ModelCIF file with pLDDT and N, C-alpha, C, O atoms, coordinates in Angstrom:
data_MODEL
#
_entry.id   MODEL 
#
_entity.id                         1 
_entity.type                       polymer 
_entity.pdbx_number_of_molecules   1 
#
_entity_poly.entity_id                      1 
_entity_poly.type                           'polypeptide(L)' 
_entity_poly.nstd_linkage                   no 
_entity_poly.nstd_monomer                   no 
_entity_poly.pdbx_seq_one_letter_code       AQGVRQSVVTGNIRAAAEVKLTVFGLDRYLRQEIGSYAEDGEDRAELL 
_entity_poly.pdbx_seq_one_letter_code_can   AQGVRQSVVTGNIRAAAEVKLTVFGLDRYLRQEIGSYAEDGEDRAELL 
_entity_poly.pdbx_strand_id                 A 
#
loop_
_entity_poly_seq.entity_id 
_entity_poly_seq.num 
_entity_poly_seq.mon_id 
_entity_poly_seq.hetero 
1 1  ALA n 
1 2  GLN n 
1 3  GLY n 
1 4  VAL n 
1 5  ARG n 
1 6  GLN n 
1 7  SER n 
1 8  VAL n 
1 9  VAL n 
1 10 THR n 
1 11 GLY n 
1 12 ASN n 
1 13 ILE n 
1 14 ARG n 
1 15 ALA n 
1 16 ALA n 
1 17 ALA n 
1 18 GLU n 
1 19 VAL n 
1 20 LYS n 
1 21 LEU n 
1 22 THR n 
1 23 VAL n 
1 24 PHE n 
1 25 GLY n 
1 26 LEU n 
1 27 ASP n 
1 28 ARG n 
1 29 TYR n 
1 30 LEU n 
1 31 ARG n 
1 32 GLN n 
1 33 GLU n 
1 34 ILE n 
1 35 GLY n 
1 36 SER n 
1 37 TYR n 
1 38 ALA n 
1 39 GLU n 
1 40 ASP n 
1 41 GLY n 
1 42 GLU n 
1 43 ASP n 
1 44 ARG n 
1 45 ALA n 
1 46 GLU n 
1 47 LEU n 
1 48 LEU n 
#
_struct_asym.id          A 
_struct_asym.entity_id   1 
#
loop_
_ma_qa_metric.id 
_ma_qa_metric.mode 
_ma_qa_metric.name 
_ma_qa_metric.software_group_id 
_ma_qa_metric.type 
1 global pLDDT . pLDDT 
2 local  pLDDT . pLDDT 
#
_ma_qa_metric_global.metric_id      1 
_ma_qa_metric_global.metric_value   96.85 
_ma_qa_metric_global.model_id       1 
_ma_qa_metric_global.ordinal_id     1 
#
loop_
_ma_qa_metric_local.label_asym_id 
_ma_qa_metric_local.label_comp_id 
_ma_qa_metric_local.label_seq_id 
_ma_qa_metric_local.metric_id 
_ma_qa_metric_local.metric_value 
_ma_qa_metric_local.model_id 
_ma_qa_metric_local.ordinal_id 
A ALA 1  2 98.00 1 1  
A GLN 2  2 97.00 1 2  
A GLY 3  2 97.00 1 3  
A VAL 4  2 98.00 1 4  
A ARG 5  2 98.00 1 5  
A GLN 6  2 98.00 1 6  
A SER 7  2 98.00 1 7  
A VAL 8  2 98.00 1 8  
A VAL 9  2 98.00 1 9  
A THR 10 2 97.00 1 10 
A GLY 11 2 95.00 1 11 
A ASN 12 2 96.00 1 12 
A ILE 13 2 96.00 1 13 
A ARG 14 2 97.00 1 14 
A ALA 15 2 97.00 1 15 
A ALA 16 2 97.00 1 16 
A ALA 17 2 97.00 1 17 
A GLU 18 2 97.00 1 18 
A VAL 19 2 97.00 1 19 
A LYS 20 2 97.00 1 20 
A LEU 21 2 98.00 1 21 
A THR 22 2 98.00 1 22 
A VAL 23 2 97.00 1 23 
A PHE 24 2 97.00 1 24 
A GLY 25 2 97.00 1 25 
A LEU 26 2 98.00 1 26 
A ASP 27 2 98.00 1 27 
A ARG 28 2 97.00 1 28 
A TYR 29 2 98.00 1 29 
A LEU 30 2 98.00 1 30 
A ARG 31 2 98.00 1 31 
A GLN 32 2 97.00 1 32 
A GLU 33 2 97.00 1 33 
A ILE 34 2 98.00 1 34 
A GLY 35 2 98.00 1 35 
A SER 36 2 98.00 1 36 
A TYR 37 2 98.00 1 37 
A ALA 38 2 96.00 1 38 
A GLU 39 2 96.00 1 39 
A ASP 40 2 96.00 1 40 
A GLY 41 2 92.00 1 41 
A GLU 42 2 90.00 1 42 
A ASP 43 2 93.00 1 43 
A ARG 44 2 95.00 1 44 
A ALA 45 2 96.00 1 45 
A GLU 46 2 96.00 1 46 
A LEU 47 2 98.00 1 47 
A LEU 48 2 98.00 1 48 
#
loop_
_atom_site.group_PDB 
_atom_site.id 
_atom_site.type_symbol 
_atom_site.label_atom_id 
_atom_site.label_alt_id 
_atom_site.label_comp_id 
_atom_site.label_asym_id 
_atom_site.label_entity_id 
_atom_site.label_seq_id 
_atom_site.pdbx_PDB_ins_code 
_atom_site.Cartn_x 
_atom_site.Cartn_y 
_atom_site.Cartn_z 
_atom_site.occupancy 
_atom_site.B_iso_or_equiv 
_atom_site.pdbx_formal_charge 
_atom_site.auth_seq_id 
_atom_site.auth_comp_id 
_atom_site.auth_asym_id 
_atom_site.auth_atom_id 
_atom_site.pdbx_PDB_model_num 
ATOM 1   N N  . ALA A 1 1  ? 14.661 -15.687 -20.706 1.00 98.00 ? 1  ALA A N  1 
ATOM 2   C CA . ALA A 1 1  ? 15.384 -15.596 -21.977 1.00 98.00 ? 1  ALA A CA 1 
ATOM 3   C C  . ALA A 1 1  ? 15.895 -14.184 -22.236 1.00 98.00 ? 1  ALA A C  1 
ATOM 4   O O  . ALA A 1 1  ? 16.882 -13.998 -22.948 1.00 98.00 ? 1  ALA A O  1 
ATOM 5   N N  . GLN A 1 2  ? 15.228 -13.194 -21.662 1.00 97.00 ? 2  GLN A N  1 
ATOM 6   C CA . GLN A 1 2  ? 15.649 -11.803 -21.811 1.00 97.00 ? 2  GLN A CA 1 
ATOM 7   C C  . GLN A 1 2  ? 16.661 -11.387 -20.743 1.00 97.00 ? 2  GLN A C  1 
ATOM 8   O O  . GLN A 1 2  ? 17.086 -10.233 -20.695 1.00 97.00 ? 2  GLN A O  1 
ATOM 9   N N  . GLY A 1 3  ? 17.039 -12.337 -19.892 1.00 97.00 ? 3  GLY A N  1 
ATOM 10  C CA . GLY A 1 3  ? 18.054 -12.055 -18.878 1.00 97.00 ? 3  GLY A CA 1 
ATOM 11  C C  . GLY A 1 3  ? 17.547 -11.341 -17.649 1.00 97.00 ? 3  GLY A C  1 
ATOM 12  O O  . GLY A 1 3  ? 18.337 -10.785 -16.886 1.00 97.00 ? 3  GLY A O  1 
ATOM 13  N N  . VAL A 1 4  ? 16.230 -11.344 -17.440 1.00 98.00 ? 4  VAL A N  1 
ATOM 14  C CA . VAL A 1 4  ? 15.648 -10.678 -16.271 1.00 98.00 ? 4  VAL A CA 1 
ATOM 15  C C  . VAL A 1 4  ? 15.750 -11.596 -15.058 1.00 98.00 ? 4  VAL A C  1 
ATOM 16  O O  . VAL A 1 4  ? 15.341 -12.756 -15.119 1.00 98.00 ? 4  VAL A O  1 
ATOM 17  N N  . ARG A 1 5  ? 16.294 -11.082 -13.957 1.00 98.00 ? 5  ARG A N  1 
ATOM 18  C CA . ARG A 1 5  ? 16.317 -11.867 -12.726 1.00 98.00 ? 5  ARG A CA 1 
ATOM 19  C C  . ARG A 1 5  ? 14.906 -11.964 -12.160 1.00 98.00 ? 5  ARG A C  1 
ATOM 20  O O  . ARG A 1 5  ? 14.163 -10.983 -12.136 1.00 98.00 ? 5  ARG A O  1 
ATOM 21  N N  . GLN A 1 6  ? 14.546 -13.173 -11.700 1.00 98.00 ? 6  GLN A N  1 
ATOM 22  C CA . GLN A 1 6  ? 13.230 -13.406 -11.128 1.00 98.00 ? 6  GLN A CA 1 
ATOM 23  C C  . GLN A 1 6  ? 13.359 -14.191 -9.840  1.00 98.00 ? 6  GLN A C  1 
ATOM 24  O O  . GLN A 1 6  ? 14.237 -15.042 -9.702  1.00 98.00 ? 6  GLN A O  1 
ATOM 25  N N  . SER A 1 7  ? 12.471 -13.894 -8.891  1.00 98.00 ? 7  SER A N  1 
ATOM 26  C CA . SER A 1 7  ? 12.432 -14.654 -7.648  1.00 98.00 ? 7  SER A CA 1 
ATOM 27  C C  . SER A 1 7  ? 11.013 -14.598 -7.093  1.00 98.00 ? 7  SER A C  1 
ATOM 28  O O  . SER A 1 7  ? 10.084 -14.169 -7.777  1.00 98.00 ? 7  SER A O  1 
ATOM 29  N N  . VAL A 1 8  ? 10.859 -15.034 -5.852  1.00 98.00 ? 8  VAL A N  1 
ATOM 30  C CA . VAL A 1 8  ? 9.530  -15.117 -5.242  1.00 98.00 ? 8  VAL A CA 1 
ATOM 31  C C  . VAL A 1 8  ? 9.457  -14.324 -3.951  1.00 98.00 ? 8  VAL A C  1 
ATOM 32  O O  . VAL A 1 8  ? 10.442 -14.199 -3.223  1.00 98.00 ? 8  VAL A O  1 
ATOM 33  N N  . VAL A 1 9  ? 8.292  -13.799 -3.683  1.00 98.00 ? 9  VAL A N  1 
ATOM 34  C CA . VAL A 1 9  ? 7.945  -13.199 -2.393  1.00 98.00 ? 9  VAL A CA 1 
ATOM 35  C C  . VAL A 1 9  ? 6.646  -13.871 -1.979  1.00 98.00 ? 9  VAL A C  1 
ATOM 36  O O  . VAL A 1 9  ? 5.601  -13.640 -2.586  1.00 98.00 ? 9  VAL A O  1 
ATOM 37  N N  . THR A 1 10 ? 6.711  -14.694 -0.955  1.00 97.00 ? 10 THR A N  1 
ATOM 38  C CA . THR A 1 10 ? 5.584  -15.567 -0.649  1.00 97.00 ? 10 THR A CA 1 
ATOM 39  C C  . THR A 1 10 ? 5.384  -15.750 0.849   1.00 97.00 ? 10 THR A C  1 
ATOM 40  O O  . THR A 1 10 ? 6.338  -15.695 1.626   1.00 97.00 ? 10 THR A O  1 
ATOM 41  N N  . GLY A 1 11 ? 4.153  -15.963 1.237   1.00 95.00 ? 11 GLY A N  1 
ATOM 42  C CA . GLY A 1 11 ? 3.829  -16.273 2.619   1.00 95.00 ? 11 GLY A CA 1 
ATOM 43  C C  . GLY A 1 11 ? 4.112  -17.715 2.971   1.00 95.00 ? 11 GLY A C  1 
ATOM 44  O O  . GLY A 1 11 ? 3.987  -18.099 4.134   1.00 95.00 ? 11 GLY A O  1 
ATOM 45  N N  . ASN A 1 12 ? 4.494  -18.532 1.989   1.00 96.00 ? 12 ASN A N  1 
ATOM 46  C CA . ASN A 1 12 ? 4.882  -19.915 2.234   1.00 96.00 ? 12 ASN A CA 1 
ATOM 47  C C  . ASN A 1 12 ? 6.199  -19.982 2.999   1.00 96.00 ? 12 ASN A C  1 
ATOM 48  O O  . ASN A 1 12 ? 7.038  -19.091 2.870   1.00 96.00 ? 12 ASN A O  1 
ATOM 49  N N  . ILE A 1 13 ? 6.384  -21.031 3.791   1.00 96.00 ? 13 ILE A N  1 
ATOM 50  C CA . ILE A 1 13 ? 7.718  -21.297 4.311   1.00 96.00 ? 13 ILE A CA 1 
ATOM 51  C C  . ILE A 1 13 ? 8.603  -21.713 3.132   1.00 96.00 ? 13 ILE A C  1 
ATOM 52  O O  . ILE A 1 13 ? 8.102  -22.198 2.117   1.00 96.00 ? 13 ILE A O  1 
ATOM 53  N N  . ARG A 1 14 ? 9.890  -21.526 3.266   1.00 97.00 ? 14 ARG A N  1 
ATOM 54  C CA . ARG A 1 14 ? 10.775 -21.744 2.128   1.00 97.00 ? 14 ARG A CA 1 
ATOM 55  C C  . ARG A 1 14 ? 10.736 -23.183 1.612   1.00 97.00 ? 14 ARG A C  1 
ATOM 56  O O  . ARG A 1 14 ? 10.686 -23.399 0.402   1.00 97.00 ? 14 ARG A O  1 
ATOM 57  N N  . ALA A 1 15 ? 10.758 -24.154 2.498   1.00 97.00 ? 15 ALA A N  1 
ATOM 58  C CA . ALA A 1 15 ? 10.796 -25.545 2.060   1.00 97.00 ? 15 ALA A CA 1 
ATOM 59  C C  . ALA A 1 15 ? 9.558  -25.899 1.232   1.00 97.00 ? 15 ALA A C  1 
ATOM 60  O O  . ALA A 1 15 ? 9.670  -26.592 0.221   1.00 97.00 ? 15 ALA A O  1 
ATOM 61  N N  . ALA A 1 16 ? 8.386  -25.433 1.650   1.00 97.00 ? 16 ALA A N  1 
ATOM 62  C CA . ALA A 1 16 ? 7.158  -25.702 0.899   1.00 97.00 ? 16 ALA A CA 1 
ATOM 63  C C  . ALA A 1 16 ? 7.196  -25.006 -0.450  1.00 97.00 ? 16 ALA A C  1 
ATOM 64  O O  . ALA A 1 16 ? 6.798  -25.583 -1.462  1.00 97.00 ? 16 ALA A O  1 
ATOM 65  N N  . ALA A 1 17 ? 7.676  -23.759 -0.467  1.00 97.00 ? 17 ALA A N  1 
ATOM 66  C CA . ALA A 1 17 ? 7.774  -23.023 -1.729  1.00 97.00 ? 17 ALA A CA 1 
ATOM 67  C C  . ALA A 1 17 ? 8.684  -23.752 -2.709  1.00 97.00 ? 17 ALA A C  1 
ATOM 68  O O  . ALA A 1 17 ? 8.362  -23.863 -3.892  1.00 97.00 ? 17 ALA A O  1 
ATOM 69  N N  . GLU A 1 18 ? 9.810  -24.244 -2.227  1.00 97.00 ? 18 GLU A N  1 
ATOM 70  C CA . GLU A 1 18 ? 10.755 -24.937 -3.099  1.00 97.00 ? 18 GLU A CA 1 
ATOM 71  C C  . GLU A 1 18 ? 10.140 -26.203 -3.698  1.00 97.00 ? 18 GLU A C  1 
ATOM 72  O O  . GLU A 1 18 ? 10.329 -26.496 -4.879  1.00 97.00 ? 18 GLU A O  1 
ATOM 73  N N  . VAL A 1 19 ? 9.406  -26.945 -2.876  1.00 97.00 ? 19 VAL A N  1 
ATOM 74  C CA . VAL A 1 19 ? 8.753  -28.157 -3.388  1.00 97.00 ? 19 VAL A CA 1 
ATOM 75  C C  . VAL A 1 19 ? 7.728  -27.800 -4.458  1.00 97.00 ? 19 VAL A C  1 
ATOM 76  O O  . VAL A 1 19 ? 7.703  -28.415 -5.524  1.00 97.00 ? 19 VAL A O  1 
ATOM 77  N N  . LYS A 1 20 ? 6.889  -26.815 -4.181  1.00 97.00 ? 20 LYS A N  1 
ATOM 78  C CA . LYS A 1 20 ? 5.848  -26.424 -5.131  1.00 97.00 ? 20 LYS A CA 1 
ATOM 79  C C  . LYS A 1 20 ? 6.446  -25.996 -6.467  1.00 97.00 ? 20 LYS A C  1 
ATOM 80  O O  . LYS A 1 20 ? 5.985  -26.428 -7.524  1.00 97.00 ? 20 LYS A O  1 
ATOM 81  N N  . LEU A 1 21 ? 7.451  -25.166 -6.421  1.00 98.00 ? 21 LEU A N  1 
ATOM 82  C CA . LEU A 1 21 ? 8.047  -24.668 -7.655  1.00 98.00 ? 21 LEU A CA 1 
ATOM 83  C C  . LEU A 1 21 ? 8.733  -25.780 -8.440  1.00 98.00 ? 21 LEU A C  1 
ATOM 84  O O  . LEU A 1 21 ? 8.676  -25.804 -9.669  1.00 98.00 ? 21 LEU A O  1 
ATOM 85  N N  . THR A 1 22 ? 9.376  -26.689 -7.736  1.00 98.00 ? 22 THR A N  1 
ATOM 86  C CA . THR A 1 22 ? 10.051 -27.801 -8.402  1.00 98.00 ? 22 THR A CA 1 
ATOM 87  C C  . THR A 1 22 ? 9.046  -28.761 -9.019  1.00 98.00 ? 22 THR A C  1 
ATOM 88  O O  . THR A 1 22 ? 9.229  -29.204 -10.153 1.00 98.00 ? 22 THR A O  1 
ATOM 89  N N  . VAL A 1 23 ? 7.989  -29.086 -8.285  1.00 97.00 ? 23 VAL A N  1 
ATOM 90  C CA . VAL A 1 23 ? 6.973  -30.026 -8.760  1.00 97.00 ? 23 VAL A CA 1 
ATOM 91  C C  . VAL A 1 23 ? 6.374  -29.578 -10.086 1.00 97.00 ? 23 VAL A C  1 
ATOM 92  O O  . VAL A 1 23 ? 6.110  -30.402 -10.962 1.00 97.00 ? 23 VAL A O  1 
ATOM 93  N N  . PHE A 1 24 ? 6.160  -28.280 -10.236 1.00 97.00 ? 24 PHE A N  1 
ATOM 94  C CA . PHE A 1 24 ? 5.536  -27.783 -11.457 1.00 97.00 ? 24 PHE A CA 1 
ATOM 95  C C  . PHE A 1 24 ? 6.531  -27.213 -12.458 1.00 97.00 ? 24 PHE A C  1 
ATOM 96  O O  . PHE A 1 24 ? 6.137  -26.545 -13.415 1.00 97.00 ? 24 PHE A O  1 
ATOM 97  N N  . GLY A 1 25 ? 7.820  -27.475 -12.244 1.00 97.00 ? 25 GLY A N  1 
ATOM 98  C CA . GLY A 1 25 ? 8.850  -27.126 -13.209 1.00 97.00 ? 25 GLY A CA 1 
ATOM 99  C C  . GLY A 1 25 ? 9.134  -25.648 -13.359 1.00 97.00 ? 25 GLY A C  1 
ATOM 100 O O  . GLY A 1 25 ? 9.652  -25.219 -14.390 1.00 97.00 ? 25 GLY A O  1 
ATOM 101 N N  . LEU A 1 26 ? 8.801  -24.854 -12.335 1.00 98.00 ? 26 LEU A N  1 
ATOM 102 C CA . LEU A 1 26 ? 9.004  -23.409 -12.426 1.00 98.00 ? 26 LEU A CA 1 
ATOM 103 C C  . LEU A 1 26 ? 10.309 -22.961 -11.776 1.00 98.00 ? 26 LEU A C  1 
ATOM 104 O O  . LEU A 1 26 ? 10.746 -21.827 -11.974 1.00 98.00 ? 26 LEU A O  1 
ATOM 105 N N  . ASP A 1 27 ? 10.922 -23.835 -11.012 1.00 98.00 ? 27 ASP A N  1 
ATOM 106 C CA . ASP A 1 27 ? 12.119 -23.473 -10.255 1.00 98.00 ? 27 ASP A CA 1 
ATOM 107 C C  . ASP A 1 27 ? 13.281 -23.057 -11.153 1.00 98.00 ? 27 ASP A C  1 
ATOM 108 O O  . ASP A 1 27 ? 14.121 -22.257 -10.741 1.00 98.00 ? 27 ASP A O  1 
ATOM 109 N N  . ARG A 1 28 ? 13.339 -23.583 -12.363 1.00 97.00 ? 28 ARG A N  1 
ATOM 110 C CA . ARG A 1 28 ? 14.481 -23.324 -13.239 1.00 97.00 ? 28 ARG A CA 1 
ATOM 111 C C  . ARG A 1 28 ? 14.604 -21.856 -13.643 1.00 97.00 ? 28 ARG A C  1 
ATOM 112 O O  . ARG A 1 28 ? 15.672 -21.410 -14.062 1.00 97.00 ? 28 ARG A O  1 
ATOM 113 N N  . TYR A 1 29 ? 13.508 -21.109 -13.517 1.00 98.00 ? 29 TYR A N  1 
ATOM 114 C CA . TYR A 1 29 ? 13.500 -19.712 -13.940 1.00 98.00 ? 29 TYR A CA 1 
ATOM 115 C C  . TYR A 1 29 ? 13.711 -18.730 -12.782 1.00 98.00 ? 29 TYR A C  1 
ATOM 116 O O  . TYR A 1 29 ? 13.820 -17.523 -13.002 1.00 98.00 ? 29 TYR A O  1 
ATOM 117 N N  . LEU A 1 30 ? 13.769 -19.240 -11.568 1.00 98.00 ? 30 LEU A N  1 
ATOM 118 C CA . LEU A 1 30 ? 13.699 -18.371 -10.393 1.00 98.00 ? 30 LEU A CA 1 
ATOM 119 C C  . LEU A 1 30 ? 14.950 -18.465 -9.533  1.00 98.00 ? 30 LEU A C  1 
ATOM 120 O O  . LEU A 1 30 ? 15.445 -19.557 -9.254  1.00 98.00 ? 30 LEU A O  1 
ATOM 121 N N  . ARG A 1 31 ? 15.455 -17.315 -9.120  1.00 98.00 ? 31 ARG A N  1 
ATOM 122 C CA . ARG A 1 31 ? 16.596 -17.248 -8.207  1.00 98.00 ? 31 ARG A CA 1 
ATOM 123 C C  . ARG A 1 31 ? 16.041 -17.305 -6.784  1.00 98.00 ? 31 ARG A C  1 
ATOM 124 O O  . ARG A 1 31 ? 15.861 -16.278 -6.130  1.00 98.00 ? 31 ARG A O  1 
ATOM 125 N N  . GLN A 1 32 ? 15.777 -18.512 -6.328  1.00 97.00 ? 32 GLN A N  1 
ATOM 126 C CA . GLN A 1 32 ? 15.085 -18.650 -5.050  1.00 97.00 ? 32 GLN A CA 1 
ATOM 127 C C  . GLN A 1 32 ? 15.927 -18.156 -3.867  1.00 97.00 ? 32 GLN A C  1 
ATOM 128 O O  . GLN A 1 32 ? 15.380 -17.802 -2.823  1.00 97.00 ? 32 GLN A O  1 
ATOM 129 N N  . GLU A 1 33 ? 17.233 -18.131 -4.027  1.00 97.00 ? 33 GLU A N  1 
ATOM 130 C CA . GLU A 1 33 ? 18.096 -17.704 -2.925  1.00 97.00 ? 33 GLU A CA 1 
ATOM 131 C C  . GLU A 1 33 ? 17.942 -16.216 -2.604  1.00 97.00 ? 33 GLU A C  1 
ATOM 132 O O  . GLU A 1 33 ? 18.300 -15.788 -1.506  1.00 97.00 ? 33 GLU A O  1 
ATOM 133 N N  . ILE A 1 34 ? 17.420 -15.428 -3.531  1.00 98.00 ? 34 ILE A N  1 
ATOM 134 C CA . ILE A 1 34 ? 17.215 -14.009 -3.238  1.00 98.00 ? 34 ILE A CA 1 
ATOM 135 C C  . ILE A 1 34 ? 15.751 -13.707 -2.922  1.00 98.00 ? 34 ILE A C  1 
ATOM 136 O O  . ILE A 1 34 ? 15.374 -12.547 -2.757  1.00 98.00 ? 34 ILE A O  1 
ATOM 137 N N  . GLY A 1 35 ? 14.940 -14.737 -2.841  1.00 98.00 ? 35 GLY A N  1 
ATOM 138 C CA . GLY A 1 35 ? 13.531 -14.551 -2.538  1.00 98.00 ? 35 GLY A CA 1 
ATOM 139 C C  . GLY A 1 35 ? 13.289 -14.298 -1.061  1.00 98.00 ? 35 GLY A C  1 
ATOM 140 O O  . GLY A 1 35 ? 14.222 -14.214 -0.261  1.00 98.00 ? 35 GLY A O  1 
ATOM 141 N N  . SER A 1 36 ? 12.009 -14.179 -0.719  1.00 98.00 ? 36 SER A N  1 
ATOM 142 C CA . SER A 1 36 ? 11.623 -13.920 0.661   1.00 98.00 ? 36 SER A CA 1 
ATOM 143 C C  . SER A 1 36 ? 10.437 -14.804 1.015   1.00 98.00 ? 36 SER A C  1 
ATOM 144 O O  . SER A 1 36 ? 9.519  -14.979 0.214   1.00 98.00 ? 36 SER A O  1 
ATOM 145 N N  . TYR A 1 37 ? 10.464 -15.360 2.224   1.00 98.00 ? 37 TYR A N  1 
ATOM 146 C CA . TYR A 1 37 ? 9.529  -16.412 2.616   1.00 98.00 ? 37 TYR A CA 1 
ATOM 147 C C  . TYR A 1 37 ? 8.940  -16.110 3.998   1.00 98.00 ? 37 TYR A C  1 
ATOM 148 O O  . TYR A 1 37 ? 9.276  -15.105 4.625   1.00 98.00 ? 37 TYR A O  1 
ATOM 149 N N  . ALA A 1 38 ? 8.060  -16.994 4.455   1.00 96.00 ? 38 ALA A N  1 
ATOM 150 C CA . ALA A 1 38 ? 7.376  -16.778 5.740   1.00 96.00 ? 38 ALA A CA 1 
ATOM 151 C C  . ALA A 1 38 ? 8.355  -16.619 6.895   1.00 96.00 ? 38 ALA A C  1 
ATOM 152 O O  . ALA A 1 38 ? 8.067  -15.920 7.866   1.00 96.00 ? 38 ALA A O  1 
ATOM 153 N N  . GLU A 1 39 ? 9.503  -17.262 6.790   1.00 96.00 ? 39 GLU A N  1 
ATOM 154 C CA . GLU A 1 39 ? 10.507 -17.142 7.848   1.00 96.00 ? 39 GLU A CA 1 
ATOM 155 C C  . GLU A 1 39 ? 11.085 -15.727 7.942   1.00 96.00 ? 39 GLU A C  1 
ATOM 156 O O  . GLU A 1 39 ? 11.703 -15.373 8.946   1.00 96.00 ? 39 GLU A O  1 
ATOM 157 N N  . ASP A 1 40 ? 10.884 -14.921 6.894   1.00 96.00 ? 40 ASP A N  1 
ATOM 158 C CA . ASP A 1 40 ? 11.556 -13.622 6.799   1.00 96.00 ? 40 ASP A CA 1 
ATOM 159 C C  . ASP A 1 40 ? 10.715 -12.433 7.243   1.00 96.00 ? 40 ASP A C  1 
ATOM 160 O O  . ASP A 1 40 ? 11.219 -11.311 7.271   1.00 96.00 ? 40 ASP A O  1 
ATOM 161 N N  . GLY A 1 41 ? 9.452  -12.646 7.591   1.00 92.00 ? 41 GLY A N  1 
ATOM 162 C CA . GLY A 1 41 ? 8.642  -11.508 8.004   1.00 92.00 ? 41 GLY A CA 1 
ATOM 163 C C  . GLY A 1 41 ? 7.181  -11.859 8.131   1.00 92.00 ? 41 GLY A C  1 
ATOM 164 O O  . GLY A 1 41 ? 6.784  -13.010 7.950   1.00 92.00 ? 41 GLY A O  1 
ATOM 165 N N  . GLU A 1 42 ? 6.379  -10.848 8.446   1.00 90.00 ? 42 GLU A N  1 
ATOM 166 C CA . GLU A 1 42 ? 4.962  -11.085 8.713   1.00 90.00 ? 42 GLU A CA 1 
ATOM 167 C C  . GLU A 1 42 ? 4.029  -10.539 7.647   1.00 90.00 ? 42 GLU A C  1 
ATOM 168 O O  . GLU A 1 42 ? 2.901  -11.016 7.527   1.00 90.00 ? 42 GLU A O  1 
ATOM 169 N N  . ASP A 1 43 ? 4.462  -9.554  6.869   1.00 93.00 ? 43 ASP A N  1 
ATOM 170 C CA . ASP A 1 43 ? 3.560  -9.016  5.847   1.00 93.00 ? 43 ASP A CA 1 
ATOM 171 C C  . ASP A 1 43 ? 4.312  -8.818  4.543   1.00 93.00 ? 43 ASP A C  1 
ATOM 172 O O  . ASP A 1 43 ? 5.536  -8.941  4.490   1.00 93.00 ? 43 ASP A O  1 
ATOM 173 N N  . ARG A 1 44 ? 3.561  -8.507  3.486   1.00 95.00 ? 44 ARG A N  1 
ATOM 174 C CA . ARG A 1 44 ? 4.156  -8.409  2.158   1.00 95.00 ? 44 ARG A CA 1 
ATOM 175 C C  . ARG A 1 44 ? 5.180  -7.280  2.054   1.00 95.00 ? 44 ARG A C  1 
ATOM 176 O O  . ARG A 1 44 ? 6.196  -7.430  1.376   1.00 95.00 ? 44 ARG A O  1 
ATOM 177 N N  . ALA A 1 45 ? 4.924  -6.161  2.714   1.00 96.00 ? 45 ALA A N  1 
ATOM 178 C CA . ALA A 1 45 ? 5.882  -5.063  2.642   1.00 96.00 ? 45 ALA A CA 1 
ATOM 179 C C  . ALA A 1 45 ? 7.232  -5.483  3.213   1.00 96.00 ? 45 ALA A C  1 
ATOM 180 O O  . ALA A 1 45 ? 8.279  -5.195  2.632   1.00 96.00 ? 45 ALA A O  1 
ATOM 181 N N  . GLU A 1 46 ? 7.199  -6.157  4.341   1.00 96.00 ? 46 GLU A N  1 
ATOM 182 C CA . GLU A 1 46 ? 8.437  -6.622  4.972   1.00 96.00 ? 46 GLU A CA 1 
ATOM 183 C C  . GLU A 1 46 ? 9.145  -7.644  4.093   1.00 96.00 ? 46 GLU A C  1 
ATOM 184 O O  . GLU A 1 46 ? 10.366 -7.605  3.939   1.00 96.00 ? 46 GLU A O  1 
ATOM 185 N N  . LEU A 1 47 ? 8.373  -8.555  3.521   1.00 98.00 ? 47 LEU A N  1 
ATOM 186 C CA . LEU A 1 47 ? 8.962  -9.579  2.658   1.00 98.00 ? 47 LEU A CA 1 
ATOM 187 C C  . LEU A 1 47 ? 9.540  -8.967  1.388   1.00 98.00 ? 47 LEU A C  1 
ATOM 188 O O  . LEU A 1 47 ? 10.619 -9.356  0.941   1.00 98.00 ? 47 LEU A O  1 
ATOM 189 N N  . LEU A 1 48 ? 8.825  -8.016  0.810   1.00 98.00 ? 48 LEU A N  1 
ATOM 190 C CA . LEU A 1 48 ? 9.334  -7.347  -0.392  1.00 98.00 ? 48 LEU A CA 1 
ATOM 191 C C  . LEU A 1 48 ? 10.635 -6.607  -0.096  1.00 98.00 ? 48 LEU A C  1 
ATOM 192 O O  . LEU A 1 48 ? 11.209 -5.985  -0.990  1.00 98.00 ? 48 LEU A O  1 
#
């Protein structure tokens, strides 16, 4: 509501992350296309 962009940095693969966020209704607040997932690296620093 304050216009802050939000996304995810997760060790999940992207498809699993998308299902989880959608199932619990959190996807509407998150710009998942700019997030980072297990396919993108091996540790949190790389994903961030």
